[in-house]
Amino acid sequence: MGRLVAGALVLGALLATGVASPASAAVGTDVAWQQQEVAVDYGERWHAQLRIDREPPQLHESGPLPTVGRDDGTIDVYLDGGEEPWASGIPIAEDGAAYVSTPRDRDPLPAGEHALRAVLVPSEDSDLDGASTVEPLRITVASFPVTASLTSLGAPEQDSLAWDVRLELSGAWVERNGAVPAGTWKVRLLEGPQERVVETRVLDIERSAAAEAETVRFERLRDAVTYTAEAVFEPRDDIAGGLELEQPDRASHEVSGSLGAILEAPLTIPVPIVIGGGAVLLMLLLAIVAIAGLLLRLRVRTES
């Protein structure tokens, strides 16, 4: 008899926890991506689908569960483990699906691997419990190779003491867009074996309708001196994340001017030499004046 009473108590406890609880507790939900991976080129728009379903409660009566819909909540998406939502307030369709795509108010995802986690945010009057995706959506963004080149064009015909160099961008980005990426060229001119910096140029490049090269001319160079040019291209910030950039090699040029050009070339003399030369010339001038005075006095004496 005692065993029957104890069994009845256990059964009553099981029924109380298994039947009464779901009626008062929030309904569990399942949030899952409908694909595991998305692969796109940098800047290309992408789309992904979520499915939000109610989890069947224990001892649920027969029949289909109600579909999760727009009034039950919204979806927030977190990128690469970030604490703030990357996209928020994404609506849920009446069939229990939600669609995530590139937010229009954000820059494209930079090249590389990314992970998206989706979180259900239930509405105030919803009976759903909050939930998130167990497995993240993997997004692979491919970069565009861009090659920056620096080429020596030598001295122009009209000026043997000048040097022209050509700056050019090429690669998959240019081929796809028919234009060079916007950014900034920084070019330095170095002189002699010590590579003294003679000049620095900065050229801002806008995205143009055609991929055109830029020519930079360095003028008033010194004859019989070897110059070296080096350049770096820095793409604009909003596209830098999608470029795989190869920087240019340096270029050299030895100036060999004509006699006329050499005579017209600027002459650089160190300051100590200028001061020392001036002092020597002054002493010579004083000596000439003194000797001229002595000769004049000797001549006067001779005539008298």
C-alpha atoms as a PDB file:
ATOM      1  CA  MET A   1       0.000   0.000   0.000  1.00  0.00           C
ATOM      2  CA  GLY A   2       2.812   2.380   0.867  1.00  0.00           C
ATOM      3  CA  ARG A   3       4.454   1.715  -2.497  1.00  0.00           C
ATOM      4  CA  LEU A   4       1.234   2.637  -4.340  1.00  0.00           C
ATOM      5  CA  VAL A   5       0.990   5.910  -2.446  1.00  0.00           C
ATOM      6  CA  ALA A   6       4.624   6.769  -3.182  1.00  0.00           C
ATOM      7  CA  GLY A   7       4.189   5.960  -6.891  1.00  0.00           C
ATOM      8  CA  ALA A   8       1.117   8.153  -7.041  1.00  0.00           C
ATOM      9  CA  LEU A   9       3.060  11.027  -5.506  1.00  0.00           C
ATOM     10  CA  VAL A  10       5.922  10.648  -8.042  1.00  0.00           C
ATOM     11  CA  LEU A  11       3.471  10.507 -10.953  1.00  0.00           C
ATOM     12  CA  GLY A  12       1.714  13.575  -9.641  1.00  0.00           C
ATOM     13  CA  ALA A  13       5.024  15.444  -9.454  1.00  0.00           C
ATOM     14  CA  LEU A  14       5.926  14.419 -13.011  1.00  0.00           C
ATOM     15  CA  LEU A  15       2.560  15.550 -14.325  1.00  0.00           C
ATOM     16  CA  ALA A  16       2.893  18.844 -12.478  1.00  0.00           C
ATOM     17  CA  THR A  17       6.304  19.571 -14.007  1.00  0.00           C
ATOM     18  CA  GLY A  18       5.562  18.154 -17.439  1.00  0.00           C
ATOM     19  CA  VAL A  19       2.083  19.550 -18.096  1.00  0.00           C
ATOM     20  CA  ALA A  20       1.591  22.660 -15.989  1.00  0.00           C
ATOM     21  CA  SER A  21       5.014  24.251 -16.624  1.00  0.00           C
ATOM     22  CA  PRO A  22       4.780  24.780 -20.410  1.00  0.00           C
ATOM     23  CA  ALA A  23       1.508  26.606 -19.974  1.00  0.00           C
ATOM     24  CA  SER A  24       3.160  29.294 -17.846  1.00  0.00           C
ATOM     25  CA  ALA A  25       6.776  29.345 -19.123  1.00  0.00           C
ATOM     26  CA  ALA A  26       8.063  31.030 -22.297  1.00  0.00           C
ATOM     27  CA  VAL A  27       8.124  28.828 -25.375  1.00  0.00           C
ATOM     28  CA  GLY A  28      11.568  27.804 -26.541  1.00  0.00           C
ATOM     29  CA  THR A  29      12.689  28.738 -30.070  1.00  0.00           C
ATOM     30  CA  ASP A  30      15.139  27.405 -32.619  1.00  0.00           C
ATOM     31  CA  VAL A  31      17.102  29.916 -34.733  1.00  0.00           C
ATOM     32  CA  ALA A  32      19.207  28.466 -37.542  1.00  0.00           C
ATOM     33  CA  TRP A  33      20.892  29.619 -40.745  1.00  0.00           C
ATOM     34  CA  GLN A  34      19.640  27.919 -43.873  1.00  0.00           C
ATOM     35  CA  GLN A  35      23.171  27.733 -45.315  1.00  0.00           C
ATOM     36  CA  GLN A  36      26.565  27.325 -43.708  1.00  0.00           C
ATOM     37  CA  GLU A  37      28.737  29.504 -45.946  1.00  0.00           C
ATOM     38  CA  VAL A  38      28.541  32.513 -48.272  1.00  0.00           C
ATOM     39  CA  ALA A  39      31.395  33.391 -50.656  1.00  0.00           C
ATOM     40  CA  VAL A  40      31.476  36.772 -52.408  1.00  0.00           C
ATOM     41  CA  ASP A  41      33.897  39.225 -53.976  1.00  0.00           C
ATOM     42  CA  TYR A  42      34.698  42.399 -52.084  1.00  0.00           C
ATOM     43  CA  GLY A  43      31.890  44.936 -52.462  1.00  0.00           C
ATOM     44  CA  GLU A  44      29.411  42.382 -53.833  1.00  0.00           C
ATOM     45  CA  ARG A  45      26.019  42.265 -52.106  1.00  0.00           C
ATOM     46  CA  TRP A  46      25.104  38.997 -50.406  1.00  0.00           C
ATOM     47  CA  HIS A  47      21.964  37.492 -48.852  1.00  0.00           C
ATOM     48  CA  ALA A  48      21.373  34.809 -46.219  1.00  0.00           C
ATOM     49  CA  GLN A  49      18.218  33.235 -44.762  1.00  0.00           C
ATOM     50  CA  LEU A  50      17.299  32.365 -41.194  1.00  0.00           C
ATOM     51  CA  ARG A  51      14.598  30.020 -39.950  1.00  0.00           C
ATOM     52  CA  ILE A  52      12.858  30.681 -36.616  1.00  0.00           C
ATOM     53  CA  ASP A  53      10.648  27.897 -35.202  1.00  0.00           C
ATOM     54  CA  ARG A  54       8.910  27.117 -31.931  1.00  0.00           C
ATOM     55  CA  GLU A  55      10.291  24.144 -30.076  1.00  0.00           C
ATOM     56  CA  PRO A  56       7.540  21.576 -29.314  1.00  0.00           C
ATOM     57  CA  PRO A  57       6.772  21.568 -25.536  1.00  0.00           C
ATOM     58  CA  GLN A  58       6.552  18.324 -23.657  1.00  0.00           C
ATOM     59  CA  LEU A  59       3.205  16.519 -23.878  1.00  0.00           C
ATOM     60  CA  HIS A  60       1.966  19.072 -26.437  1.00  0.00           C
ATOM     61  CA  GLU A  61      -1.442  18.343 -27.878  1.00  0.00           C
ATOM     62  CA  SER A  62      -1.544  17.039 -31.450  1.00  0.00           C
ATOM     63  CA  GLY A  63      -1.555  19.467 -34.341  1.00  0.00           C
ATOM     64  CA  PRO A  64       0.933  21.925 -35.894  1.00  0.00           C
ATOM     65  CA  LEU A  65       2.608  24.553 -33.772  1.00  0.00           C
ATOM     66  CA  PRO A  66       1.829  28.206 -34.541  1.00  0.00           C
ATOM     67  CA  THR A  67       4.301  29.775 -36.982  1.00  0.00           C
ATOM     68  CA  VAL A  68       6.671  32.427 -35.651  1.00  0.00           C
ATOM     69  CA  GLY A  69       5.799  35.710 -37.372  1.00  0.00           C
ATOM     70  CA  ARG A  70       6.343  39.461 -37.530  1.00  0.00           C
ATOM     71  CA  ASP A  71       4.620  40.168 -34.215  1.00  0.00           C
ATOM     72  CA  ASP A  72       6.783  37.741 -32.278  1.00  0.00           C
ATOM     73  CA  GLY A  73      10.031  39.701 -32.439  1.00  0.00           C
ATOM     74  CA  THR A  74      12.983  40.781 -34.561  1.00  0.00           C
ATOM     75  CA  ILE A  75      16.505  39.562 -35.340  1.00  0.00           C
ATOM     76  CA  ASP A  76      19.834  41.168 -34.387  1.00  0.00           C
ATOM     77  CA  VAL A  77      23.046  40.063 -36.096  1.00  0.00           C
ATOM     78  CA  TYR A  78      26.522  40.202 -34.535  1.00  0.00           C
ATOM     79  CA  LEU A  79      29.712  40.198 -36.614  1.00  0.00           C
ATOM     80  CA  ASP A  80      32.933  38.428 -35.591  1.00  0.00           C
ATOM     81  CA  GLY A  81      32.058  38.271 -31.901  1.00  0.00           C
ATOM     82  CA  GLY A  82      31.300  41.988 -31.561  1.00  0.00           C
ATOM     83  CA  GLU A  83      29.332  43.219 -28.549  1.00  0.00           C
ATOM     84  CA  GLU A  84      27.170  45.660 -30.509  1.00  0.00           C
ATOM     85  CA  PRO A  85      24.784  44.487 -33.254  1.00  0.00           C
ATOM     86  CA  TRP A  86      26.174  44.772 -36.761  1.00  0.00           C
ATOM     87  CA  ALA A  87      22.557  44.854 -38.027  1.00  0.00           C
ATOM     88  CA  SER A  88      19.450  45.102 -35.850  1.00  0.00           C
ATOM     89  CA  GLY A  89      15.675  45.087 -36.067  1.00  0.00           C
ATOM     90  CA  ILE A  90      15.527  42.623 -38.965  1.00  0.00           C
ATOM     91  CA  PRO A  91      11.852  41.624 -39.360  1.00  0.00           C
ATOM     92  CA  ILE A  92      10.553  38.061 -39.318  1.00  0.00           C
ATOM     93  CA  ALA A  93       8.278  37.055 -42.192  1.00  0.00           C
ATOM     94  CA  GLU A  94       4.928  35.353 -41.563  1.00  0.00           C
ATOM     95  CA  ASP A  95       6.383  32.012 -42.633  1.00  0.00           C
ATOM     96  CA  GLY A  96       9.020  32.134 -39.866  1.00  0.00           C
ATOM     97  CA  ALA A  97      11.914  33.190 -42.107  1.00  0.00           C
ATOM     98  CA  ALA A  98      14.221  36.205 -41.780  1.00  0.00           C
ATOM     99  CA  TYR A  99      16.497  37.558 -44.488  1.00  0.00           C
ATOM    100  CA  VAL A 100      19.879  39.126 -43.778  1.00  0.00           C
ATOM    101  CA  SER A 101      21.874  41.088 -46.368  1.00  0.00           C
ATOM    102  CA  THR A 102      24.601  43.714 -46.549  1.00  0.00           C
ATOM    103  CA  PRO A 103      23.465  46.775 -44.538  1.00  0.00           C
ATOM    104  CA  ARG A 104      23.279  49.798 -46.843  1.00  0.00           C
ATOM    105  CA  ASP A 105      24.599  52.143 -44.153  1.00  0.00           C
ATOM    106  CA  ARG A 106      27.848  50.214 -43.648  1.00  0.00           C
ATOM    107  CA  ASP A 107      31.041  49.770 -45.645  1.00  0.00           C
ATOM    108  CA  PRO A 108      31.467  46.415 -47.378  1.00  0.00           C
ATOM    109  CA  LEU A 109      32.979  43.627 -45.324  1.00  0.00           C
ATOM    110  CA  PRO A 110      36.766  43.637 -45.667  1.00  0.00           C
ATOM    111  CA  ALA A 111      38.443  40.734 -47.409  1.00  0.00           C
ATOM    112  CA  GLY A 112      38.881  37.612 -45.305  1.00  0.00           C
ATOM    113  CA  GLU A 113      36.800  35.239 -43.178  1.00  0.00           C
ATOM    114  CA  HIS A 114      33.849  36.487 -41.108  1.00  0.00           C
ATOM    115  CA  ALA A 115      31.303  34.887 -38.744  1.00  0.00           C
ATOM    116  CA  LEU A 116      27.695  36.068 -38.243  1.00  0.00           C
ATOM    117  CA  ARG A 117      25.629  35.139 -35.196  1.00  0.00           C
ATOM    118  CA  ALA A 118      21.873  35.818 -35.210  1.00  0.00           C
ATOM    119  CA  VAL A 119      19.852  36.503 -32.036  1.00  0.00           C
ATOM    120  CA  LEU A 120      16.057  36.496 -31.664  1.00  0.00           C
ATOM    121  CA  VAL A 121      14.756  39.518 -29.729  1.00  0.00           C
ATOM    122  CA  PRO A 122      11.176  38.656 -28.681  1.00  0.00           C
ATOM    123  CA  SER A 123       8.537  41.384 -28.611  1.00  0.00           C
ATOM    124  CA  GLU A 124       7.023  42.414 -25.274  1.00  0.00           C
ATOM    125  CA  ASP A 125       3.773  40.510 -25.789  1.00  0.00           C
ATOM    126  CA  SER A 126       5.362  37.418 -27.356  1.00  0.00           C
ATOM    127  CA  ASP A 127       5.365  34.054 -25.628  1.00  0.00           C
ATOM    128  CA  LEU A 128       8.714  33.163 -27.208  1.00  0.00           C
ATOM    129  CA  ASP A 129      11.969  32.851 -25.360  1.00  0.00           C
ATOM    130  CA  GLY A 130      15.099  34.550 -26.702  1.00  0.00           C
ATOM    131  CA  ALA A 131      17.525  32.367 -28.638  1.00  0.00           C
ATOM    132  CA  SER A 132      20.548  32.539 -30.928  1.00  0.00           C
ATOM    133  CA  THR A 133      22.086  30.456 -33.685  1.00  0.00           C
ATOM    134  CA  VAL A 134      24.215  27.550 -32.510  1.00  0.00           C
ATOM    135  CA  GLU A 135      26.440  27.613 -35.597  1.00  0.00           C
ATOM    136  CA  PRO A 136      27.544  30.938 -37.136  1.00  0.00           C
ATOM    137  CA  LEU A 137      27.228  31.792 -40.802  1.00  0.00           C
ATOM    138  CA  ARG A 138      30.682  31.835 -42.414  1.00  0.00           C
ATOM    139  CA  ILE A 139      31.224  34.595 -44.957  1.00  0.00           C
ATOM    140  CA  THR A 140      34.327  34.562 -47.152  1.00  0.00           C
ATOM    141  CA  VAL A 141      35.138  37.848 -48.909  1.00  0.00           C
ATOM    142  CA  ALA A 142      37.665  37.654 -51.746  1.00  0.00           C
ATOM    143  CA  SER A 143      40.055  40.559 -52.320  1.00  0.00           C
ATOM    144  CA  PHE A 144      41.099  42.153 -55.609  1.00  0.00           C
ATOM    145  CA  PRO A 145      44.817  42.076 -56.490  1.00  0.00           C
ATOM    146  CA  VAL A 146      46.219  45.482 -57.460  1.00  0.00           C
ATOM    147  CA  THR A 147      49.782  46.016 -58.675  1.00  0.00           C
ATOM    148  CA  ALA A 148      51.359  49.459 -58.278  1.00  0.00           C
ATOM    149  CA  SER A 149      54.328  50.078 -60.575  1.00  0.00           C
ATOM    150  CA  LEU A 150      57.008  52.770 -60.897  1.00  0.00           C
ATOM    151  CA  THR A 151      58.832  52.986 -64.239  1.00  0.00           C
ATOM    152  CA  SER A 152      61.718  55.231 -65.291  1.00  0.00           C
ATOM    153  CA  LEU A 153      61.074  57.063 -68.574  1.00  0.00           C
ATOM    154  CA  GLY A 154      64.510  58.733 -68.622  1.00  0.00           C
ATOM    155  CA  ALA A 155      65.237  62.364 -69.399  1.00  0.00           C
ATOM    156  CA  PRO A 156      62.868  64.266 -71.708  1.00  0.00           C
ATOM    157  CA  GLU A 157      64.337  65.419 -75.038  1.00  0.00           C
ATOM    158  CA  GLN A 158      64.073  69.103 -74.198  1.00  0.00           C
ATOM    159  CA  ASP A 159      65.759  68.904 -70.788  1.00  0.00           C
ATOM    160  CA  SER A 160      68.632  66.532 -70.058  1.00  0.00           C
ATOM    161  CA  LEU A 161      68.687  67.632 -66.404  1.00  0.00           C
ATOM    162  CA  ALA A 162      65.121  66.392 -65.796  1.00  0.00           C
ATOM    163  CA  TRP A 163      63.760  62.907 -65.149  1.00  0.00           C
ATOM    164  CA  ASP A 164      60.318  61.479 -65.890  1.00  0.00           C
ATOM    165  CA  VAL A 165      58.837  58.532 -63.989  1.00  0.00           C
ATOM    166  CA  ARG A 166      55.508  56.798 -64.626  1.00  0.00           C
ATOM    167  CA  LEU A 167      53.108  55.649 -61.901  1.00  0.00           C
ATOM    168  CA  GLU A 168      50.567  53.006 -62.844  1.00  0.00           C
ATOM    169  CA  LEU A 169      47.952  50.742 -61.237  1.00  0.00           C
ATOM    170  CA  SER A 170      46.816  47.454 -62.748  1.00  0.00           C
ATOM    171  CA  GLY A 171      45.203  44.184 -61.722  1.00  0.00           C
ATOM    172  CA  ALA A 172      41.836  42.578 -61.099  1.00  0.00           C
ATOM    173  CA  TRP A 173      40.252  45.720 -59.601  1.00  0.00           C
ATOM    174  CA  VAL A 174      41.077  47.772 -62.703  1.00  0.00           C
ATOM    175  CA  GLU A 175      39.919  45.014 -65.045  1.00  0.00           C
ATOM    176  CA  ARG A 176      36.568  44.619 -63.277  1.00  0.00           C
ATOM    177  CA  ASN A 177      35.772  48.314 -62.754  1.00  0.00           C
ATOM    178  CA  GLY A 178      37.484  49.798 -65.799  1.00  0.00           C
ATOM    179  CA  ALA A 179      39.033  52.399 -63.493  1.00  0.00           C
ATOM    180  CA  VAL A 180      41.877  52.760 -61.029  1.00  0.00           C
ATOM    181  CA  PRO A 181      41.056  52.689 -57.307  1.00  0.00           C
ATOM    182  CA  ALA A 182      40.968  56.050 -55.578  1.00  0.00           C
ATOM    183  CA  GLY A 183      43.861  56.823 -53.275  1.00  0.00           C
ATOM    184  CA  THR A 184      47.142  58.697 -52.863  1.00  0.00           C
ATOM    185  CA  TRP A 185      50.586  58.265 -54.416  1.00  0.00           C
ATOM    186  CA  LYS A 186      53.562  59.325 -52.292  1.00  0.00           C
ATOM    187  CA  VAL A 187      56.781  59.660 -54.305  1.00  0.00           C
ATOM    188  CA  ARG A 188      60.266  60.509 -52.986  1.00  0.00           C
ATOM    189  CA  LEU A 189      63.354  61.530 -54.974  1.00  0.00           C
ATOM    190  CA  LEU A 190      66.666  60.417 -53.427  1.00  0.00           C
ATOM    191  CA  GLU A 191      70.077  61.780 -54.474  1.00  0.00           C
ATOM    192  CA  GLY A 192      73.432  60.010 -54.644  1.00  0.00           C
ATOM    193  CA  PRO A 193      74.715  56.972 -52.756  1.00  0.00           C
ATOM    194  CA  GLN A 194      73.738  58.567 -49.440  1.00  0.00           C
ATOM    195  CA  GLU A 195      70.141  58.739 -50.746  1.00  0.00           C
ATOM    196  CA  ARG A 196      69.521  62.228 -49.475  1.00  0.00           C
ATOM    197  CA  VAL A 197      65.832  63.121 -49.831  1.00  0.00           C
ATOM    198  CA  VAL A 198      65.625  65.887 -52.420  1.00  0.00           C
ATOM    199  CA  GLU A 199      61.904  66.106 -53.039  1.00  0.00           C
ATOM    200  CA  THR A 200      58.600  64.528 -52.011  1.00  0.00           C
ATOM    201  CA  ARG A 201      55.472  64.531 -54.161  1.00  0.00           C
ATOM    202  CA  VAL A 202      51.905  63.666 -53.116  1.00  0.00           C
ATOM    203  CA  LEU A 203      49.333  62.912 -55.823  1.00  0.00           C
ATOM    204  CA  ASP A 204      45.650  62.367 -54.996  1.00  0.00           C
ATOM    205  CA  ILE A 205      44.042  59.939 -57.436  1.00  0.00           C
ATOM    206  CA  GLU A 206      40.293  59.873 -57.982  1.00  0.00           C
ATOM    207  CA  ARG A 207      38.509  56.881 -59.452  1.00  0.00           C
ATOM    208  CA  SER A 208      38.534  57.741 -63.132  1.00  0.00           C
ATOM    209  CA  ALA A 209      36.604  56.461 -66.124  1.00  0.00           C
ATOM    210  CA  ALA A 210      39.768  54.885 -67.516  1.00  0.00           C
ATOM    211  CA  ALA A 211      42.909  53.384 -66.054  1.00  0.00           C
ATOM    212  CA  GLU A 212      45.431  56.067 -66.947  1.00  0.00           C
ATOM    213  CA  ALA A 213      49.059  56.287 -65.813  1.00  0.00           C
ATOM    214  CA  GLU A 214      50.457  59.347 -64.025  1.00  0.00           C
ATOM    215  CA  THR A 215      53.759  60.937 -65.094  1.00  0.00           C
ATOM    216  CA  VAL A 216      55.918  62.805 -62.572  1.00  0.00           C
ATOM    217  CA  ARG A 217      58.791  65.040 -63.734  1.00  0.00           C
ATOM    218  CA  PHE A 218      61.725  65.971 -61.512  1.00  0.00           C
ATOM    219  CA  GLU A 219      63.600  69.045 -62.767  1.00  0.00           C
ATOM    220  CA  ARG A 220      66.816  71.025 -62.113  1.00  0.00           C
ATOM    221  CA  LEU A 221      68.824  67.919 -61.275  1.00  0.00           C
ATOM    222  CA  ARG A 222      72.602  67.892 -60.917  1.00  0.00           C
ATOM    223  CA  ASP A 223      74.737  66.418 -63.669  1.00  0.00           C
ATOM    224  CA  ALA A 224      76.650  63.155 -63.213  1.00  0.00           C
ATOM    225  CA  VAL A 225      74.543  62.233 -60.173  1.00  0.00           C
ATOM    226  CA  THR A 226      72.466  59.067 -59.773  1.00  0.00           C
ATOM    227  CA  TYR A 227      68.940  59.621 -58.508  1.00  0.00           C
ATOM    228  CA  THR A 228      66.529  57.064 -57.092  1.00  0.00           C
ATOM    229  CA  ALA A 229      62.739  57.298 -56.983  1.00  0.00           C
ATOM    230  CA  GLU A 230      60.544  55.309 -54.623  1.00  0.00           C
ATOM    231  CA  ALA A 231      56.747  55.332 -54.421  1.00  0.00           C
ATOM    232  CA  VAL A 232      53.940  53.997 -52.242  1.00  0.00           C
ATOM    233  CA  PHE A 233      50.245  53.870 -53.148  1.00  0.00           C
ATOM    234  CA  GLU A 234      47.692  54.194 -50.332  1.00  0.00           C
ATOM    235  CA  PRO A 235      44.105  53.334 -51.369  1.00  0.00           C
ATOM    236  CA  ARG A 236      41.185  55.258 -49.923  1.00  0.00           C
ATOM    237  CA  ASP A 237      40.000  53.872 -46.574  1.00  0.00           C
ATOM    238  CA  ASP A 238      36.569  52.758 -47.778  1.00  0.00           C
ATOM    239  CA  ILE A 239      38.099  50.379 -50.367  1.00  0.00           C
ATOM    240  CA  ALA A 240      41.405  49.484 -48.713  1.00  0.00           C
ATOM    241  CA  GLY A 241      39.836  46.453 -47.045  1.00  0.00           C
ATOM    242  CA  GLY A 242      39.162  44.833 -50.412  1.00  0.00           C
ATOM    243  CA  LEU A 243      42.527  45.290 -52.100  1.00  0.00           C
ATOM    244  CA  GLU A 244      45.522  42.983 -52.059  1.00  0.00           C
ATOM    245  CA  LEU A 245      48.148  45.591 -52.913  1.00  0.00           C
ATOM    246  CA  GLU A 246      51.624  44.989 -54.314  1.00  0.00           C
ATOM    247  CA  GLN A 247      53.832  48.063 -53.904  1.00  0.00           C
ATOM    248  CA  PRO A 248      56.291  49.102 -56.670  1.00  0.00           C
ATOM    249  CA  ASP A 249      60.030  48.551 -56.828  1.00  0.00           C
ATOM    250  CA  ARG A 250      62.377  51.537 -56.844  1.00  0.00           C
ATOM    251  CA  ALA A 251      63.766  53.065 -60.055  1.00  0.00           C
ATOM    252  CA  SER A 252      67.130  54.782 -60.678  1.00  0.00           C
ATOM    253  CA  HIS A 253      68.430  57.285 -63.215  1.00  0.00           C
ATOM    254  CA  GLU A 254      71.908  58.732 -63.813  1.00  0.00           C
ATOM    255  CA  VAL A 255      71.873  62.310 -65.045  1.00  0.00           C
ATOM    256  CA  SER A 256      74.135  62.999 -68.041  1.00  0.00           C
ATOM    257  CA  GLY A 257      73.603  66.546 -69.300  1.00  0.00           C
ATOM    258  CA  SER A 258      75.069  68.489 -72.234  1.00  0.00           C
ATOM    259  CA  LEU A 259      77.625  71.295 -71.692  1.00  0.00           C
ATOM    260  CA  GLY A 260      74.970  73.987 -72.033  1.00  0.00           C
ATOM    261  CA  ALA A 261      72.700  72.231 -69.600  1.00  0.00           C
ATOM    262  CA  ILE A 262      75.540  71.740 -67.161  1.00  0.00           C
ATOM    263  CA  LEU A 263      76.305  75.468 -67.248  1.00  0.00           C
ATOM    264  CA  GLU A 264      72.651  76.240 -66.595  1.00  0.00           C
ATOM    265  CA  ALA A 265      72.349  73.693 -63.803  1.00  0.00           C
ATOM    266  CA  PRO A 266      72.151  74.968 -60.239  1.00  0.00           C
ATOM    267  CA  LEU A 267      75.512  74.886 -58.458  1.00  0.00           C
ATOM    268  CA  THR A 268      75.465  73.786 -54.854  1.00  0.00           C
ATOM    269  CA  ILE A 269      78.515  74.854 -52.762  1.00  0.00           C
ATOM    270  CA  PRO A 270      78.787  74.021 -49.052  1.00  0.00           C
ATOM    271  CA  VAL A 271      78.640  77.031 -46.724  1.00  0.00           C
ATOM    272  CA  PRO A 272      82.115  76.463 -45.109  1.00  0.00           C
ATOM    273  CA  ILE A 273      83.735  76.494 -48.552  1.00  0.00           C
ATOM    274  CA  VAL A 274      81.906  79.716 -49.450  1.00  0.00           C
ATOM    275  CA  ILE A 275      83.085  81.414 -46.225  1.00  0.00           C
ATOM    276  CA  GLY A 276      86.642  80.156 -46.611  1.00  0.00           C
ATOM    277  CA  GLY A 277      86.787  81.211 -50.257  1.00  0.00           C
ATOM    278  CA  GLY A 278      85.493  84.665 -49.401  1.00  0.00           C
ATOM    279  CA  ALA A 279      88.163  85.097 -46.737  1.00  0.00           C
ATOM    280  CA  VAL A 280      90.919  84.070 -49.178  1.00  0.00           C
ATOM    281  CA  LEU A 281      89.654  86.496 -51.823  1.00  0.00           C
ATOM    282  CA  LEU A 282      89.534  89.305 -49.269  1.00  0.00           C
ATOM    283  CA  MET A 283      93.122  88.631 -48.204  1.00  0.00           C
ATOM    284  CA  LEU A 284      94.253  88.594 -51.835  1.00  0.00           C
ATOM    285  CA  LEU A 285      92.475  91.871 -52.467  1.00  0.00           C
ATOM    286  CA  LEU A 286      94.146  93.491 -49.439  1.00  0.00           C
ATOM    287  CA  ALA A 287      97.533  92.177 -50.553  1.00  0.00           C
ATOM    288  CA  ILE A 288      97.044  93.627 -54.060  1.00  0.00           C
ATOM    289  CA  VAL A 289      96.080  96.994 -52.612  1.00  0.00           C
ATOM    290  CA  ALA A 290      99.125  96.974 -50.316  1.00  0.00           C
ATOM    291  CA  ILE A 291     101.516  96.031 -53.116  1.00  0.00           C
ATOM    292  CA  ALA A 292     100.018  98.676 -55.392  1.00  0.00           C
ATOM    293  CA  GLY A 293     100.549 101.280 -52.669  1.00  0.00           C
ATOM    294  CA  LEU A 294     104.187 100.273 -52.182  1.00  0.00           C
ATOM    295  CA  LEU A 295     104.889 100.423 -55.921  1.00  0.00           C
ATOM    296  CA  LEU A 296     103.334 103.857 -56.148  1.00  0.00           C
ATOM    297  CA  ARG A 297     105.487 105.194 -53.290  1.00  0.00           C
ATOM    298  CA  LEU A 298     108.655 103.747 -54.838  1.00  0.00           C
ATOM    299  CA  ARG A 299     107.820 105.381 -58.135  1.00  0.00           C
ATOM    300  CA  VAL A 300     107.310 108.786 -56.484  1.00  0.00           C
ATOM    301  CA  ARG A 301     110.676 108.543 -54.731  1.00  0.00           C
ATOM    302  CA  THR A 302     112.432 107.545 -57.952  1.00  0.00           C
ATOM    303  CA  GLU A 303     111.046 110.509 -59.882  1.00  0.00           C
ATOM    304  CA  SER A 304     112.002 112.920 -57.137  1.00  0.00           C
END
